[in-house]
Amino acid sequence: MAKAIAPYNEQLQGLQYQYQDYSNLYSQKTATAYQAANVRAMQAQENQRIWQQKCSAL
């Protein structure tokens, strides 16, 4: 019985590793996207601050 199941177990383990790889890759891409969005938001805030300074100087 164990010998009959062995190839399936190996295949299943391979799929689990593959899933883990995809999962990690997705997490990295998501983190990168959030980071980029945060940087853009900070740049927008900085631009707004600069414009407010320019306007109040007028």
C-alpha atoms as a PDB file:
ATOM      1  CA  MET A   1       0.000   0.000   0.000  1.00  0.00           C
ATOM      2  CA  ALA A   2       2.733   2.462   0.995  1.00  0.00           C
ATOM      3  CA  LYS A   3       4.682   1.640  -2.186  1.00  0.00           C
ATOM      4  CA  ALA A   4       1.590   2.264  -4.295  1.00  0.00           C
ATOM      5  CA  ILE A   5       1.006   5.646  -2.658  1.00  0.00           C
ATOM      6  CA  ALA A   6       4.679   6.778  -2.704  1.00  0.00           C
ATOM      7  CA  PRO A   7       4.673   8.344  -6.213  1.00  0.00           C
ATOM      8  CA  TYR A   8       1.501  10.272  -5.404  1.00  0.00           C
ATOM      9  CA  ASN A   9       3.027  11.494  -2.148  1.00  0.00           C
ATOM     10  CA  GLU A  10       6.082  12.764  -4.027  1.00  0.00           C
ATOM     11  CA  GLN A  11       3.874  14.465  -6.593  1.00  0.00           C
ATOM     12  CA  LEU A  12       1.773  16.054  -3.875  1.00  0.00           C
ATOM     13  CA  GLN A  13       4.875  17.284  -2.068  1.00  0.00           C
ATOM     14  CA  GLY A  14       6.153  18.782  -5.331  1.00  0.00           C
ATOM     15  CA  LEU A  15       2.860  20.606  -5.813  1.00  0.00           C
ATOM     16  CA  GLN A  16       2.994  21.897  -2.242  1.00  0.00           C
ATOM     17  CA  TYR A  17       6.493  23.304  -2.827  1.00  0.00           C
ATOM     18  CA  GLN A  18       5.305  24.875  -6.087  1.00  0.00           C
ATOM     19  CA  TYR A  19       2.310  26.417  -4.328  1.00  0.00           C
ATOM     20  CA  GLN A  20       4.607  27.779  -1.601  1.00  0.00           C
ATOM     21  CA  ASP A  21       6.850  29.359  -4.260  1.00  0.00           C
ATOM     22  CA  TYR A  22       3.881  31.028  -5.970  1.00  0.00           C
ATOM     23  CA  SER A  23       2.564  32.153  -2.607  1.00  0.00           C
ATOM     24  CA  ASN A  24       5.908  33.738  -1.662  1.00  0.00           C
ATOM     25  CA  LEU A  25       6.199  35.396  -5.065  1.00  0.00           C
ATOM     26  CA  TYR A  26       2.678  36.830  -4.726  1.00  0.00           C
ATOM     27  CA  SER A  27       3.491  38.158  -1.241  1.00  0.00           C
ATOM     28  CA  GLN A  28       6.656  39.837  -2.537  1.00  0.00           C
ATOM     29  CA  LYS A  29       4.800  41.422  -5.466  1.00  0.00           C
ATOM     30  CA  THR A  30       2.040  42.654  -3.144  1.00  0.00           C
ATOM     31  CA  ALA A  31       4.578  44.119  -0.701  1.00  0.00           C
ATOM     32  CA  THR A  32       6.398  45.848  -3.566  1.00  0.00           C
ATOM     33  CA  ALA A  33       3.140  47.309  -4.870  1.00  0.00           C
ATOM     34  CA  TYR A  34       2.183  48.645  -1.417  1.00  0.00           C
ATOM     35  CA  GLN A  35       5.660  50.103  -0.994  1.00  0.00           C
ATOM     36  CA  ALA A  36       5.438  51.875  -4.363  1.00  0.00           C
ATOM     37  CA  ALA A  37       1.986  53.230  -3.476  1.00  0.00           C
ATOM     38  CA  ASN A  38       3.310  54.538  -0.147  1.00  0.00           C
ATOM     39  CA  VAL A  39       6.211  56.274  -1.881  1.00  0.00           C
ATOM     40  CA  ARG A  40       3.806  57.915  -4.353  1.00  0.00           C
ATOM     41  CA  ALA A  41       1.552  59.038  -1.502  1.00  0.00           C
ATOM     42  CA  MET A  42       4.513  60.546   0.366  1.00  0.00           C
ATOM     43  CA  GLN A  43       5.651  62.346  -2.801  1.00  0.00           C
ATOM     44  CA  ALA A  44       2.144  63.738  -3.289  1.00  0.00           C
ATOM     45  CA  GLN A  45       2.074  64.988   0.323  1.00  0.00           C
ATOM     46  CA  GLU A  46       5.479  66.618  -0.145  1.00  0.00           C
ATOM     47  CA  ASN A  47       4.329  68.298  -3.377  1.00  0.00           C
ATOM     48  CA  GLN A  48       1.209  69.553  -1.603  1.00  0.00           C
ATOM     49  CA  ARG A  49       3.336  70.961   1.244  1.00  0.00           C
ATOM     50  CA  ILE A  50       5.625  72.743  -1.220  1.00  0.00           C
ATOM     51  CA  TRP A  51       2.664  74.254  -3.080  1.00  0.00           C
ATOM     52  CA  GLN A  52       1.109  75.426   0.178  1.00  0.00           C
ATOM     53  CA  GLN A  53       4.393  77.152   1.076  1.00  0.00           C
ATOM     54  CA  LYS A  54       4.544  78.798  -2.362  1.00  0.00           C
ATOM     55  CA  CYS A  55       0.934  79.966  -2.103  1.00  0.00           C
ATOM     56  CA  SER A  56       1.347  81.395   1.394  1.00  0.00           C
ATOM     57  CA  ALA A  57       4.501  83.223   0.282  1.00  0.00           C
ATOM     58  CA  LEU A  58       2.473  85.132  -2.329  1.00  0.00           C
END
